[in-house]
Amino acid sequence: MSTSTADLDDDDLLSESEYRDRLRELPPSAKLVAKVLEGDAPLSQGQLAEESLLPDRTVRYALNRLEDADLVGSRYSFKDARKQVYYLNT
């Protein structure tokens, strides 16, 4: 788990075409969560559920799929260290 997007090397960031290719293989819920993160990152799981209008369980599944594809990273929230926030690796 990364502590911030600034900790990522340039090698860890994906090109736009590689990002789109990986995203293309994922389910619609993961695509929607990624789209929400494009506009308002970093967000917690609850915030993602609220913004996407998806159930918490579906958001959790989508985040797991996005993390498996190395499209999303997470860190602990500065406002509440009990929560994780998610951001895109682009």
Protein backbone atom coordinates (compact mmCIF):
# COMPACT_ATOMS: atom_id res chain seq x y z
CA MET A 1 0.00 0.00 0.00
CA SER A 2 1.43 3.34 -1.01
CA THR A 3 1.31 6.34 1.27
CA SER A 4 0.64 8.83 -1.50
CA THR A 5 0.63 9.28 -5.24
CA ALA A 6 3.90 11.22 -4.91
CA ASP A 7 5.62 8.02 -3.73
CA LEU A 8 5.03 6.35 -7.09
CA ASP A 9 7.90 6.20 -9.55
CA ASP A 10 7.29 7.27 -13.12
CA ASP A 11 7.74 3.59 -14.03
CA ASP A 12 4.78 2.68 -11.79
CA LEU A 13 2.42 5.07 -13.57
CA LEU A 14 0.54 3.73 -16.56
CA SER A 15 0.30 5.32 -19.97
CA GLU A 16 -3.18 6.33 -21.06
CA SER A 17 -3.41 3.47 -23.57
CA GLU A 18 -2.20 0.85 -21.06
CA TYR A 19 -4.67 2.19 -18.47
CA ARG A 20 -7.55 1.96 -20.97
CA ASP A 21 -6.52 -1.57 -22.06
CA ARG A 22 -6.51 -2.85 -18.48
CA LEU A 23 -9.78 -1.08 -17.67
CA ARG A 24 -11.47 -2.53 -20.76
CA GLU A 25 -11.18 -6.06 -19.30
CA LEU A 26 -12.93 -5.17 -16.03
CA PRO A 27 -16.63 -5.34 -15.10
CA PRO A 28 -18.87 -2.28 -15.48
CA SER A 29 -18.84 -1.56 -11.74
CA ALA A 30 -15.05 -1.23 -11.78
CA LYS A 31 -15.25 1.09 -14.78
CA LEU A 32 -17.78 3.29 -12.98
CA VAL A 33 -15.67 3.46 -9.82
CA ALA A 34 -12.61 4.38 -11.93
CA LYS A 35 -14.62 7.10 -13.66
CA VAL A 36 -15.69 8.55 -10.30
CA LEU A 37 -12.06 8.51 -9.15
CA GLU A 38 -11.00 10.37 -12.29
CA GLY A 39 -12.99 13.35 -11.14
CA ASP A 40 -12.74 13.26 -7.34
CA ALA A 41 -9.77 11.35 -5.99
CA PRO A 42 -8.88 10.39 -3.32
CA LEU A 43 -12.16 9.02 -1.99
CA SER A 44 -13.08 6.51 0.70
CA GLN A 45 -15.14 3.42 -0.04
CA GLY A 46 -18.22 5.09 1.45
CA GLN A 47 -17.72 8.21 -0.63
CA LEU A 48 -17.32 6.07 -3.74
CA ALA A 49 -20.57 4.26 -2.96
CA GLU A 50 -22.35 7.57 -2.49
CA GLU A 51 -20.97 9.14 -5.68
CA SER A 52 -21.46 6.07 -7.89
CA LEU A 53 -24.85 5.07 -6.42
CA LEU A 54 -23.52 1.51 -6.11
CA PRO A 55 -23.95 -0.67 -3.00
CA ASP A 56 -20.96 -0.85 -0.63
CA ARG A 57 -20.40 -4.50 -1.48
CA THR A 58 -20.24 -3.74 -5.22
CA VAL A 59 -17.80 -0.88 -4.63
CA ARG A 60 -15.62 -3.18 -2.53
CA TYR A 61 -15.65 -5.77 -5.35
CA ALA A 62 -14.84 -3.08 -7.95
CA LEU A 63 -11.94 -1.74 -5.86
CA ASN A 64 -10.52 -5.24 -5.45
CA ARG A 65 -10.66 -5.78 -9.21
CA LEU A 66 -9.05 -2.37 -9.87
CA GLU A 67 -6.30 -3.09 -7.32
CA ASP A 68 -5.65 -6.51 -8.89
CA ALA A 69 -5.16 -4.75 -12.24
CA ASP A 70 -2.84 -2.17 -10.58
CA LEU A 71 -5.15 0.65 -11.63
CA VAL A 72 -5.96 1.91 -8.13
CA GLY A 73 -3.82 2.60 -5.11
CA SER A 74 -4.79 3.32 -1.53
CA ARG A 75 -3.49 5.08 1.53
CA TYR A 76 -4.81 5.94 4.96
CA SER A 77 -6.92 9.07 5.16
CA PHE A 78 -5.28 12.11 6.71
CA LYS A 79 -8.66 13.13 8.17
CA ASP A 80 -9.46 9.74 9.70
CA ALA A 81 -6.63 7.20 9.96
CA ARG A 82 -9.18 4.39 10.40
CA LYS A 83 -10.24 4.80 6.77
CA GLN A 84 -8.47 4.19 3.51
CA VAL A 85 -8.84 6.44 0.50
CA TYR A 86 -8.38 5.34 -3.09
CA TYR A 87 -6.84 7.03 -6.13
CA LEU A 88 -5.98 6.10 -9.71
CA ASN A 89 -2.46 5.03 -10.69
CA THR A 90 -2.39 7.15 -13.84
